[in-house]
Amino acid sequence: MVKSNLLRGIILVSLCSVVFLPIYTFFFLYPSFDKFLTERTEEEAVRFAAHLASRLISVKAGLTKDVITPAFRLAIEQSARDMQLVKVKVFAPSGEIIYSTEAKDIGEINRKKYFIEVVASGGNYTQVVRKSSQSLEGQVMTRDVVEAYVPLMEGKQFIGAFELYYDITKSRERLGRLISGSSVLVFVVALSLLVGVVISAMNANRSIRLRDRAEEELRKHQEDLERLVEGRTQEIVQAHEKIKKEMLDRKQAENSLRDTEAKYRSLVESTEDSIYLVDSEYRYLFMNKKHYMRMGLLPDQFLGHFYHEFHSSEETAQFMAHVNQVIETGESCQNEHMSKRDNRYFLQTLSPVKDQEGSIVAITVISKDISDRKRMEEELRSLSLTDELTGLYNRRGFLALADQYFKIVNRMKNKISILYADLDDLKTINDTFGHTEGDKAIIEAAGILRETFRESDVAARIGGDEFVVMPAVISNVSLDMVIERLHKNIAQVNAQPGRSYQISISYGIAYYDPEQPCTIEELLNRGDRMMYENKKSKNHRA
């Protein structure tokens, strides 16, 4: 009996719940949420209007049409789009509309009681206008909006007002769908419970066992529901933890990005290379400290300025050609150039800067000072010891080796000699047959000397048509053999068929005695004099 009464009570309570839940939802829950949404929207509209007024209105007296500037209109229109405002109006103290996003409203005067008694007295005035209802000014709305009047006060003086129409249609629709779905779910659950209880009660009338089984089933359903709620709670907790982790990861990524940016900027600013960034119009976007100090500029003197403003027309043309090459090919390029500013040499590397779509948005230029390297290259060229035309030693190479020979013979008390030779009539060959043939004659003379003397002897071209060999001979006995071999080699060259001219070499022998030392230059001068004696005797015989 007790269980039957309990079942009846449960049935009654379930029935009341099924009836009460929809009533509670539609007459209390839904209006409460709707009121909450409306109040929040009203507060947001009032704050936005106050913010808009503080930004755009700077006058201390009553608003007039003079404050409605193009910049004012642009700011209002942009804000209206961003904040989903249906309409924005600005009122003068008289109630005249001096600006509206709908031009047809301008010039109308609001003489409504709420405007005069509330708004003009410094009070906010808002109301929710439902779709298809009339606004405070009698306009039929095509959507749900919050219509808000916000007064502008200077002390206790009313200087104007804003009227804002804030669109809440989508918010109300989303809230309605949420509450409706929840209500249906609750109603279905309650109805299911009621059906279960009724079925259990009917079965309980047949037998206690069936009634107990029904109670057990009900308990199982309750446990399932609890597990479901517990599962959903766990999912919410996991989602919350996931969001927290994502926020933490994002913060760490931002910190890492800031650290990377700081390291990159430190690297760029600490390098000895000049680094700058230009766009496709050759306009400076960035310049590191090294470069703008070298150019004698301050940080605010180059940004946005063009390359040609700081460089000569020749340098600008070369730079533009390299930038265009990078833009056309999409690849880096390098070039060497000498700065007209300080006559220093630089290796310039231009590289493309691309966005996520692969389009080139800028060009990075790294300019490395290679003046020291160029100077070393020039020194290396000047230190070359061989003659490019003949392959013999040049004057520098000869003097360097002769200095070593002098040290050896002075230490060992040996005598050495040099042969000073001159290619006869080189000017005539150049004038008659051209300088190419003259170079060929010099090469042939060098070849004759190379064939005449040993590989260990130092043969050099020390002037245009002047040669010297050291040590040429050791004694008077070997001197005759060397001269004979020289004449023989000259004759072999001249015997070649089809020659247009004859090779003739004048020579002189000079000796060095450690007991009567002299400088290398003095020894060369002796050889030169002996050579001219030989040349004069040949001319006399001719």
Protein backbone atom coordinates (compact mmCIF):
# COMPACT_ATOMS: atom_id res chain seq x y z
CA MET A 1 0.00 0.00 0.00
CA VAL A 2 2.83 2.31 0.90
CA LYS A 3 4.58 1.56 -2.37
CA SER A 4 1.36 2.11 -4.33
CA ASN A 5 0.86 5.50 -2.70
CA LEU A 6 4.49 6.26 -3.43
CA LEU A 7 3.98 5.35 -7.07
CA ARG A 8 0.90 7.52 -7.26
CA GLY A 9 2.86 10.37 -5.73
CA ILE A 10 5.64 9.83 -8.24
CA ILE A 11 3.17 9.77 -11.11
CA LEU A 12 1.58 12.97 -9.85
CA VAL A 13 4.95 14.67 -9.41
CA SER A 14 6.08 13.51 -12.85
CA LEU A 15 2.90 14.76 -14.42
CA CYS A 16 3.31 18.11 -12.69
CA SER A 17 6.91 18.22 -13.87
CA VAL A 18 5.93 17.56 -17.47
CA VAL A 19 3.41 20.37 -17.29
CA PHE A 20 5.50 22.71 -15.15
CA LEU A 21 8.77 22.49 -17.11
CA PRO A 22 7.44 23.97 -20.38
CA ILE A 23 5.54 26.61 -18.39
CA TYR A 24 8.66 27.45 -16.41
CA THR A 25 10.76 27.54 -19.58
CA PHE A 26 8.51 29.78 -21.66
CA PHE A 27 7.17 32.07 -18.91
CA PHE A 28 10.21 32.45 -16.68
CA LEU A 29 13.48 30.99 -18.07
CA TYR A 30 13.21 32.35 -21.61
CA PRO A 31 12.11 35.86 -20.46
CA SER A 32 14.94 35.89 -17.89
CA PHE A 33 17.57 35.08 -20.53
CA ASP A 34 15.95 37.53 -22.92
CA LYS A 35 16.03 40.25 -20.25
CA PHE A 36 19.66 39.46 -19.49
CA LEU A 37 20.61 39.70 -23.18
CA THR A 38 18.72 42.97 -23.50
CA GLU A 39 20.34 44.52 -20.42
CA ARG A 40 23.82 43.49 -21.55
CA THR A 41 23.18 44.87 -25.01
CA GLU A 42 21.81 48.11 -23.56
CA GLU A 43 24.92 48.49 -21.40
CA GLU A 44 27.17 47.82 -24.39
CA ALA A 45 25.29 50.32 -26.52
CA VAL A 46 25.56 52.99 -23.81
CA ARG A 47 29.31 52.35 -23.34
CA PHE A 48 29.91 52.43 -27.07
CA ALA A 49 27.99 55.69 -27.46
CA ALA A 50 29.92 57.25 -24.60
CA HIS A 51 33.21 56.06 -26.11
CA LEU A 52 32.21 57.39 -29.52
CA ALA A 53 31.36 60.76 -28.03
CA SER A 54 34.65 61.01 -26.13
CA ARG A 55 36.61 60.24 -29.30
CA LEU A 56 34.82 62.38 -31.84
CA ILE A 57 33.20 65.27 -29.95
CA SER A 58 35.58 67.89 -28.59
CA VAL A 59 33.36 70.98 -28.46
CA LYS A 60 32.33 72.46 -25.13
CA ALA A 61 29.14 74.16 -26.32
CA GLY A 62 26.07 72.76 -28.02
CA LEU A 63 26.60 70.47 -31.04
CA THR A 64 26.07 71.99 -34.48
CA LYS A 65 26.47 70.76 -38.02
CA ASP A 66 30.02 72.15 -37.99
CA VAL A 67 31.28 69.12 -36.05
CA ILE A 68 30.08 66.79 -38.80
CA THR A 69 33.32 66.59 -40.81
CA PRO A 70 34.22 63.97 -43.44
CA ALA A 71 36.51 62.36 -40.89
CA PHE A 72 33.60 62.30 -38.40
CA ARG A 73 31.33 60.59 -40.95
CA LEU A 74 34.04 58.07 -41.89
CA ALA A 75 34.67 57.18 -38.24
CA ILE A 76 30.93 56.80 -37.55
CA GLU A 77 30.37 54.60 -40.60
CA GLN A 78 33.37 52.41 -39.78
CA SER A 79 32.25 52.03 -36.16
CA ALA A 80 28.69 51.21 -37.27
CA ARG A 81 29.98 48.39 -39.45
CA ASP A 82 32.29 47.04 -36.75
CA MET A 83 29.67 47.13 -33.97
CA GLN A 84 26.68 45.94 -36.09
CA LEU A 85 24.80 49.19 -35.63
CA VAL A 86 21.70 49.52 -37.78
CA LYS A 87 21.60 53.30 -37.51
CA VAL A 88 23.45 56.14 -35.77
CA LYS A 89 22.05 59.65 -35.21
CA VAL A 90 23.52 62.79 -33.66
CA PHE A 91 21.19 65.40 -32.10
CA ALA A 92 21.72 69.08 -31.40
CA PRO A 93 20.48 70.40 -28.01
CA SER A 94 17.27 71.52 -29.75
CA GLY A 95 16.49 67.92 -30.75
CA GLU A 96 17.37 68.54 -34.41
CA ILE A 97 19.09 65.61 -36.15
CA ILE A 98 22.37 67.05 -37.46
CA TYR A 99 23.77 63.69 -38.64
CA SER A 100 22.31 60.27 -39.45
CA THR A 101 23.58 57.23 -41.29
CA GLU A 102 20.30 57.54 -43.20
CA ALA A 103 20.44 60.96 -44.82
CA LYS A 104 16.65 61.33 -45.00
CA ASP A 105 16.51 61.73 -41.19
CA ILE A 106 18.77 64.82 -41.13
CA GLY A 107 16.92 68.01 -40.25
CA GLU A 108 14.06 66.36 -38.35
CA ILE A 109 13.42 67.49 -34.75
CA ASN A 110 12.63 65.11 -31.90
CA ARG A 111 9.99 66.71 -29.63
CA LYS A 112 8.99 63.50 -27.89
CA LYS A 113 8.42 63.63 -24.15
CA TYR A 114 11.13 61.08 -23.34
CA PHE A 115 13.70 63.17 -25.24
CA ILE A 116 12.85 66.43 -23.51
CA GLU A 117 12.30 65.08 -19.98
CA VAL A 118 14.88 62.28 -19.83
CA VAL A 119 17.61 62.61 -22.45
CA ALA A 120 17.87 66.43 -22.37
CA SER A 121 18.12 66.18 -18.57
CA GLY A 122 21.23 63.97 -18.80
CA GLY A 123 19.62 60.53 -18.50
CA ASN A 124 20.19 57.49 -20.75
CA TYR A 125 17.06 56.18 -22.41
CA THR A 126 16.87 52.73 -24.01
CA GLN A 127 14.24 50.29 -25.17
CA VAL A 128 14.14 47.02 -27.06
CA VAL A 129 12.26 47.22 -30.35
CA ARG A 130 10.99 43.87 -31.61
CA LYS A 131 10.94 42.96 -35.25
CA SER A 132 7.90 44.50 -37.03
CA SER A 133 7.41 46.91 -34.07
CA GLN A 134 7.79 50.67 -34.12
CA SER A 135 10.81 52.48 -32.72
CA LEU A 136 10.54 55.47 -30.40
CA GLU A 137 10.37 57.66 -33.50
CA GLY A 138 7.65 55.56 -35.16
CA GLN A 139 9.83 53.63 -37.64
CA VAL A 140 8.80 49.99 -38.25
CA MET A 141 11.87 47.81 -37.66
CA THR A 142 12.75 44.82 -39.80
CA ARG A 143 14.87 43.24 -37.08
CA ASP A 144 15.28 43.15 -33.28
CA VAL A 145 17.26 46.16 -32.06
CA VAL A 146 18.16 48.04 -28.91
CA GLU A 147 17.37 51.74 -29.40
CA ALA A 148 19.55 53.81 -27.07
CA TYR A 149 19.75 57.56 -26.45
CA VAL A 150 22.97 58.75 -24.80
CA PRO A 151 23.14 62.44 -23.77
CA LEU A 152 26.31 64.51 -24.10
CA MET A 153 26.80 66.78 -21.10
CA GLU A 154 29.28 69.56 -20.44
CA GLY A 155 28.99 69.91 -16.69
CA LYS A 156 25.22 70.22 -16.17
CA GLN A 157 24.63 71.65 -19.64
CA PHE A 158 23.08 69.39 -22.28
CA ILE A 159 25.07 69.86 -25.56
CA GLY A 160 23.65 67.04 -27.70
CA ALA A 161 22.92 63.32 -27.87
CA PHE A 162 23.62 60.09 -29.74
CA GLU A 163 20.90 57.67 -30.82
CA LEU A 164 22.11 54.12 -31.61
CA TYR A 165 20.22 51.17 -33.07
CA TYR A 166 22.11 48.04 -32.02
CA ASP A 167 21.17 44.85 -33.95
CA ILE A 168 20.44 41.94 -31.57
CA THR A 169 18.48 39.78 -34.03
CA LYS A 170 21.11 37.06 -34.36
CA SER A 171 21.82 37.00 -30.63
CA ARG A 172 18.12 36.58 -29.83
CA GLU A 173 17.76 33.90 -32.48
CA ARG A 174 20.72 31.94 -31.12
CA LEU A 175 19.41 32.29 -27.56
CA GLY A 176 15.96 31.18 -28.69
CA ARG A 177 17.34 28.10 -30.43
CA LEU A 178 19.42 27.20 -27.38
CA ILE A 179 16.54 27.54 -24.91
CA SER A 180 14.06 25.81 -27.24
CA GLY A 181 16.41 22.87 -27.74
CA SER A 182 17.04 22.63 -24.01
CA SER A 183 13.31 22.83 -23.27
CA VAL A 184 12.51 20.07 -25.75
CA LEU A 185 15.22 17.88 -24.26
CA VAL A 186 13.99 18.47 -20.70
CA PHE A 187 10.38 17.90 -21.76
CA VAL A 188 11.29 14.64 -23.52
CA VAL A 189 13.24 13.43 -20.50
CA ALA A 190 10.40 14.34 -18.14
CA LEU A 191 7.83 12.73 -20.41
CA SER A 192 9.96 9.62 -20.65
CA LEU A 193 10.14 9.46 -16.87
CA LEU A 194 6.40 9.85 -16.66
CA VAL A 195 5.81 7.05 -19.15
CA GLY A 196 8.26 4.86 -17.29
CA VAL A 197 6.58 5.54 -13.99
CA VAL A 198 3.11 4.87 -15.42
CA ILE A 199 4.26 1.62 -16.96
CA SER A 200 5.93 0.66 -13.70
CA ALA A 201 2.77 1.44 -11.74
CA MET A 202 0.63 -0.63 -14.11
CA ASN A 203 3.00 -3.53 -13.79
CA ALA A 204 3.15 -3.08 -10.00
CA ASN A 205 -0.58 -3.69 -9.86
CA ARG A 206 -0.05 -7.13 -11.38
CA SER A 207 2.75 -8.29 -9.15
CA ILE A 208 5.21 -7.06 -6.58
CA ARG A 209 8.05 -8.70 -8.45
CA LEU A 210 7.28 -6.84 -11.60
CA ARG A 211 7.03 -3.67 -9.54
CA ASP A 212 10.44 -4.33 -7.97
CA ARG A 213 11.85 -5.01 -11.42
CA ALA A 214 10.43 -1.73 -12.63
CA GLU A 215 12.02 0.04 -9.67
CA GLU A 216 15.30 -1.64 -10.53
CA GLU A 217 14.99 -0.51 -14.13
CA LEU A 218 14.25 3.00 -12.95
CA ARG A 219 17.34 2.91 -10.78
CA LYS A 220 19.41 1.69 -13.70
CA HIS A 221 18.11 4.51 -15.85
CA GLN A 222 19.05 6.93 -13.12
CA GLU A 223 22.56 5.49 -12.92
CA ASP A 224 22.90 5.72 -16.69
CA LEU A 225 21.81 9.32 -16.55
CA GLU A 226 24.33 10.02 -13.79
CA ARG A 227 27.07 8.34 -15.82
CA LEU A 228 26.04 10.40 -18.83
CA VAL A 229 26.18 13.59 -16.78
CA GLU A 230 29.51 12.53 -15.30
CA GLY A 231 30.84 11.74 -18.78
CA ARG A 232 29.73 15.11 -20.13
CA THR A 233 31.28 16.81 -17.10
CA GLN A 234 34.54 14.99 -17.79
CA GLU A 235 34.42 16.06 -21.44
CA ILE A 236 33.92 19.68 -20.39
CA VAL A 237 36.85 19.42 -17.96
CA GLN A 238 39.04 17.91 -20.69
CA ALA A 239 38.00 20.61 -23.16
CA HIS A 240 38.83 23.25 -20.56
CA GLU A 241 42.25 21.71 -19.96
CA LYS A 242 42.85 21.56 -23.73
CA ILE A 243 41.98 25.24 -24.10
CA LYS A 244 44.30 26.11 -21.21
CA LYS A 245 47.11 24.10 -22.83
CA GLU A 246 46.53 25.76 -26.21
CA MET A 247 46.63 29.19 -24.56
CA LEU A 248 49.85 28.26 -22.75
CA ASP A 249 51.40 26.92 -25.98
CA ARG A 250 50.41 30.08 -27.81
CA LYS A 251 51.91 32.25 -25.08
CA GLN A 252 55.12 30.23 -25.20
CA ALA A 253 55.17 30.55 -29.01
CA GLU A 254 54.70 34.32 -28.73
CA ASN A 255 57.52 34.54 -26.18
CA SER A 256 59.72 32.41 -28.42
CA LEU A 257 58.88 34.64 -31.38
CA ARG A 258 59.77 37.74 -29.38
CA ASP A 259 63.05 36.14 -28.29
CA THR A 260 63.82 35.16 -31.88
CA GLU A 261 63.02 38.65 -33.09
CA ALA A 262 65.25 40.16 -30.40
CA LYS A 263 68.10 37.80 -31.29
CA TYR A 264 67.68 38.53 -35.01
CA ARG A 265 67.64 42.29 -34.41
CA SER A 266 70.69 41.98 -32.14
CA LEU A 267 72.48 39.98 -34.83
CA VAL A 268 71.56 42.47 -37.55
CA GLU A 269 72.60 45.45 -35.45
CA SER A 270 75.88 43.90 -34.20
CA THR A 271 77.23 42.70 -37.56
CA GLU A 272 79.95 44.63 -39.35
CA ASP A 273 78.03 44.30 -42.64
CA SER A 274 75.61 46.89 -43.96
CA ILE A 275 72.06 45.43 -44.09
CA TYR A 276 69.01 47.17 -45.52
CA LEU A 277 65.62 46.40 -47.02
CA VAL A 278 64.02 48.02 -50.09
CA ASP A 279 60.71 47.53 -51.89
CA SER A 280 60.12 47.16 -55.64
CA GLU A 281 60.14 50.97 -55.96
CA TYR A 282 63.71 51.08 -54.49
CA ARG A 283 62.39 52.70 -51.30
CA TYR A 284 64.13 52.03 -47.96
CA LEU A 285 62.05 49.93 -45.54
CA PHE A 286 64.81 49.13 -43.02
CA MET A 287 68.48 49.95 -42.46
CA ASN A 288 70.74 48.62 -39.72
CA LYS A 289 72.86 50.92 -37.57
CA LYS A 290 76.11 50.05 -39.40
CA HIS A 291 74.72 51.22 -42.74
CA TYR A 292 72.98 54.44 -41.71
CA MET A 293 76.05 55.48 -39.69
CA ARG A 294 78.27 54.85 -42.72
CA MET A 295 75.89 56.99 -44.78
CA GLY A 296 75.88 59.72 -42.10
CA LEU A 297 72.12 59.47 -41.48
CA LEU A 298 69.80 59.32 -38.48
CA PRO A 299 67.17 56.54 -38.15
CA ASP A 300 64.31 58.84 -39.16
CA GLN A 301 66.08 60.24 -42.23
CA PHE A 302 65.92 57.21 -44.55
CA LEU A 303 62.66 55.32 -43.94
CA GLY A 304 60.33 55.82 -46.91
CA HIS A 305 63.03 57.61 -48.93
CA PHE A 306 64.26 56.38 -52.31
CA TYR A 307 67.71 54.94 -53.09
CA HIS A 308 68.51 57.67 -55.64
CA GLU A 309 68.19 60.35 -52.94
CA PHE A 310 71.47 59.19 -51.36
CA HIS A 311 73.47 57.85 -54.34
CA SER A 312 74.78 59.01 -57.71
CA SER A 313 72.85 58.33 -60.91
CA GLU A 314 75.42 55.73 -61.98
CA GLU A 315 75.19 53.83 -58.67
CA THR A 316 71.38 54.08 -58.75
CA ALA A 317 71.17 52.63 -62.28
CA GLN A 318 73.37 49.67 -61.31
CA PHE A 319 71.41 49.04 -58.11
CA MET A 320 68.03 49.20 -59.90
CA ALA A 321 69.26 46.68 -62.49
CA HIS A 322 70.26 44.21 -59.75
CA VAL A 323 66.94 44.66 -57.87
CA ASN A 324 64.99 44.09 -61.09
CA GLN A 325 67.02 40.95 -61.76
CA VAL A 326 66.09 39.49 -58.35
CA ILE A 327 62.40 40.38 -58.86
CA GLU A 328 62.33 38.80 -62.35
CA THR A 329 64.24 35.59 -61.48
CA GLY A 330 63.21 35.19 -57.84
CA GLU A 331 66.82 34.27 -57.01
CA SER A 332 69.65 35.98 -55.13
CA CYS A 333 72.50 37.70 -56.94
CA GLN A 334 75.92 39.10 -56.01
CA ASN A 335 78.05 41.91 -57.38
CA GLU A 336 81.14 43.88 -56.46
CA HIS A 337 81.10 47.66 -56.57
CA MET A 338 83.11 50.62 -55.36
CA SER A 339 81.21 53.20 -53.30
CA LYS A 340 81.54 56.74 -54.63
CA ARG A 341 81.00 57.93 -51.06
CA ASP A 342 84.27 56.64 -49.57
CA ASN A 343 85.99 54.75 -52.46
CA ARG A 344 85.67 51.43 -50.60
CA TYR A 345 84.86 48.10 -52.26
CA PHE A 346 81.79 46.09 -51.25
CA LEU A 347 80.40 42.63 -52.07
CA GLN A 348 76.66 43.21 -52.41
CA THR A 349 74.22 40.27 -52.00
CA LEU A 350 70.58 40.88 -52.95
CA SER A 351 67.96 38.29 -51.88
CA PRO A 352 64.16 38.17 -52.31
CA VAL A 353 61.76 38.41 -49.34
CA LYS A 354 58.58 36.43 -50.04
CA ASP A 355 55.18 36.25 -48.35
CA GLN A 356 53.24 33.05 -47.61
CA GLU A 357 51.93 32.94 -51.21
CA GLY A 358 55.46 33.14 -52.61
CA SER A 359 55.17 36.70 -53.92
CA ILE A 360 58.23 38.93 -53.60
CA VAL A 361 57.40 41.82 -51.25
CA ALA A 362 60.88 43.26 -50.64
CA ILE A 363 64.59 42.84 -51.33
CA THR A 364 67.20 42.27 -48.59
CA VAL A 365 70.63 43.77 -49.33
CA ILE A 366 73.75 42.68 -47.41
CA SER A 367 76.78 44.80 -48.31
CA LYS A 368 80.09 43.38 -47.06
CA ASP A 369 83.21 45.58 -47.01
CA ILE A 370 85.90 43.78 -49.07
CA SER A 371 88.33 46.70 -49.38
CA ASP A 372 91.03 44.81 -47.45
CA ARG A 373 90.59 41.77 -49.68
CA LYS A 374 90.81 43.87 -52.85
CA ARG A 375 93.96 45.53 -51.52
CA MET A 376 95.50 42.12 -50.80
CA GLU A 377 94.59 40.92 -54.30
CA GLU A 378 96.30 43.99 -55.74
CA GLU A 379 99.36 43.34 -53.60
CA LEU A 380 99.41 39.71 -54.74
CA ARG A 381 99.25 40.81 -58.36
CA SER A 382 102.12 43.24 -57.78
CA LEU A 383 104.09 40.47 -56.06
CA SER A 384 103.93 38.19 -59.10
CA LEU A 385 107.46 37.07 -60.04
CA THR A 386 106.97 35.91 -63.65
CA ASP A 387 106.54 37.76 -66.93
CA GLU A 388 103.09 37.08 -68.38
CA LEU A 389 104.22 37.22 -72.06
CA THR A 390 107.36 35.03 -72.02
CA GLY A 391 107.01 32.92 -68.88
CA LEU A 392 110.50 34.05 -67.75
CA TYR A 393 111.07 35.78 -64.43
CA ASN A 394 110.16 39.49 -64.42
CA ARG A 395 112.39 42.21 -62.96
CA ARG A 396 110.97 41.69 -59.44
CA GLY A 397 111.52 37.95 -59.63
CA PHE A 398 115.06 38.37 -60.95
CA LEU A 399 116.04 40.85 -58.24
CA ALA A 400 114.62 38.57 -55.53
CA LEU A 401 116.63 35.55 -56.78
CA ALA A 402 119.76 37.59 -57.54
CA ASP A 403 119.77 38.81 -53.96
CA GLN A 404 119.87 35.19 -52.78
CA TYR A 405 122.67 34.37 -55.29
CA PHE A 406 124.74 37.31 -54.04
CA LYS A 407 124.44 36.08 -50.45
CA ILE A 408 125.61 32.59 -51.50
CA VAL A 409 128.64 33.71 -53.57
CA ASN A 410 129.68 36.22 -50.91
CA ARG A 411 129.62 33.46 -48.32
CA MET A 412 131.49 30.97 -50.57
CA LYS A 413 133.80 33.58 -52.16
CA ASN A 414 132.80 32.48 -55.69
CA LYS A 415 132.58 34.65 -58.78
CA ILE A 416 129.50 34.82 -60.95
CA SER A 417 128.58 36.54 -64.19
CA ILE A 418 125.46 37.82 -65.90
CA LEU A 419 124.53 38.06 -69.56
CA TYR A 420 122.64 41.25 -70.41
CA ALA A 421 120.80 40.85 -73.76
CA ASP A 422 118.71 43.16 -75.96
CA LEU A 423 116.44 42.23 -78.90
CA ASP A 424 117.63 44.40 -81.81
CA ASP A 425 115.27 46.47 -83.95
CA LEU A 426 112.08 45.70 -81.95
CA LYS A 427 110.69 49.17 -82.78
CA THR A 428 111.16 48.52 -86.50
CA ILE A 429 109.35 45.18 -86.20
CA ASN A 430 106.44 46.82 -84.33
CA ASP A 431 106.18 49.70 -86.81
CA THR A 432 106.42 47.44 -89.87
CA PHE A 433 104.55 44.31 -88.87
CA GLY A 434 102.50 45.43 -85.83
CA HIS A 435 102.77 44.90 -82.09
CA THR A 436 101.42 41.35 -82.30
CA GLU A 437 104.42 40.37 -84.41
CA GLY A 438 106.62 42.36 -82.01
CA ASP A 439 105.32 40.29 -79.08
CA LYS A 440 106.05 37.17 -81.12
CA ALA A 441 109.65 38.34 -81.63
CA ILE A 442 110.05 38.88 -77.86
CA ILE A 443 108.72 35.36 -77.22
CA GLU A 444 111.20 33.94 -79.79
CA ALA A 445 114.09 35.79 -78.12
CA ALA A 446 113.04 34.38 -74.74
CA GLY A 447 112.91 30.90 -76.27
CA ILE A 448 116.44 31.31 -77.69
CA LEU A 449 117.78 32.24 -74.24
CA ARG A 450 115.88 29.36 -72.64
CA GLU A 451 117.45 26.89 -75.14
CA THR A 452 120.92 28.41 -74.72
CA PHE A 453 121.22 28.26 -70.95
CA ARG A 454 120.59 25.60 -68.31
CA GLU A 455 117.36 25.21 -66.37
CA SER A 456 119.27 26.11 -63.21
CA ASP A 457 120.26 29.47 -64.69
CA VAL A 458 118.00 32.43 -63.89
CA ALA A 459 116.61 33.90 -67.13
CA ALA A 460 114.46 37.04 -66.87
CA ARG A 461 112.83 39.72 -68.99
CA ILE A 462 113.56 42.95 -67.11
CA GLY A 463 112.28 45.44 -69.69
CA GLY A 464 110.39 45.69 -72.97
CA ASP A 465 113.18 44.13 -75.12
CA GLU A 466 115.84 43.59 -72.43
CA PHE A 467 116.78 40.22 -70.91
CA VAL A 468 119.31 39.05 -68.31
CA VAL A 469 120.61 35.57 -67.42
CA MET A 470 122.56 34.65 -64.23
CA PRO A 471 124.87 32.81 -63.70
CA ALA A 472 125.57 32.55 -67.38
CA VAL A 473 129.13 31.24 -67.23
CA ILE A 474 131.61 30.14 -64.59
CA SER A 475 134.92 30.68 -66.41
CA ASN A 476 136.37 31.99 -69.69
CA VAL A 477 136.41 28.43 -71.05
CA SER A 478 132.65 28.04 -70.71
CA LEU A 479 132.01 31.59 -71.97
CA ASP A 480 133.01 30.72 -75.53
CA MET A 481 130.75 27.66 -75.49
CA VAL A 482 127.77 29.69 -74.28
CA ILE A 483 128.25 32.41 -76.92
CA GLU A 484 128.65 29.78 -79.65
CA ARG A 485 125.44 28.04 -78.53
CA LEU A 486 123.61 31.40 -78.48
CA HIS A 487 124.64 32.21 -82.07
CA LYS A 488 123.66 28.70 -83.18
CA ASN A 489 120.17 28.96 -81.67
CA ILE A 490 119.63 32.42 -83.25
CA ALA A 491 120.65 31.03 -86.64
CA GLN A 492 118.23 28.09 -86.31
CA VAL A 493 115.31 30.44 -85.68
CA ASN A 494 116.25 32.70 -88.61
CA ALA A 495 116.53 29.66 -90.90
CA GLN A 496 112.81 28.91 -90.54
CA PRO A 497 111.05 29.22 -93.94
CA GLY A 498 108.69 32.11 -94.66
CA ARG A 499 110.17 34.54 -92.11
CA SER A 500 109.57 38.25 -92.73
CA TYR A 501 112.44 39.45 -90.55
CA GLN A 502 115.60 38.18 -88.82
CA ILE A 503 116.08 37.86 -85.07
CA SER A 504 119.16 39.68 -83.77
CA ILE A 505 120.27 39.79 -80.14
CA SER A 506 122.99 42.05 -78.75
CA TYR A 507 124.56 41.00 -75.45
CA GLY A 508 127.12 41.95 -72.85
CA ILE A 509 128.82 39.98 -70.06
CA ALA A 510 129.43 41.46 -66.59
CA TYR A 511 131.25 39.74 -63.72
CA TYR A 512 130.78 39.89 -59.96
CA ASP A 513 133.79 39.43 -57.65
CA PRO A 514 133.15 39.10 -53.88
CA GLU A 515 136.55 40.71 -53.32
CA GLN A 516 135.25 43.83 -55.10
CA PRO A 517 131.52 43.79 -54.16
CA CYS A 518 128.85 45.91 -55.85
CA THR A 519 125.05 46.07 -55.85
CA ILE A 520 122.82 44.15 -58.23
CA GLU A 521 121.82 47.37 -59.99
CA GLU A 522 125.49 48.27 -60.50
CA LEU A 523 126.14 44.83 -62.00
CA LEU A 524 123.16 45.26 -64.33
CA ASN A 525 124.48 48.66 -65.42
CA ARG A 526 127.85 47.07 -66.28
CA GLY A 527 126.09 44.41 -68.35
CA ASP A 528 124.00 47.10 -70.06
CA ARG A 529 127.15 49.03 -71.05
CA MET A 530 128.82 45.90 -72.38
CA MET A 531 125.68 45.10 -74.38
CA TYR A 532 125.70 48.53 -76.02
CA GLU A 533 129.38 48.05 -76.93
CA ASN A 534 128.37 44.82 -78.65
CA LYS A 535 125.46 46.53 -80.42
CA LYS A 536 127.71 49.38 -81.69
CA SER A 537 130.30 46.96 -83.01
CA LYS A 538 127.59 45.05 -84.90
CA ASN A 539 126.27 48.28 -86.41
CA HIS A 540 129.84 49.28 -87.38
CA ARG A 541 130.39 45.96 -89.14
CA ALA A 542 127.05 46.34 -90.91
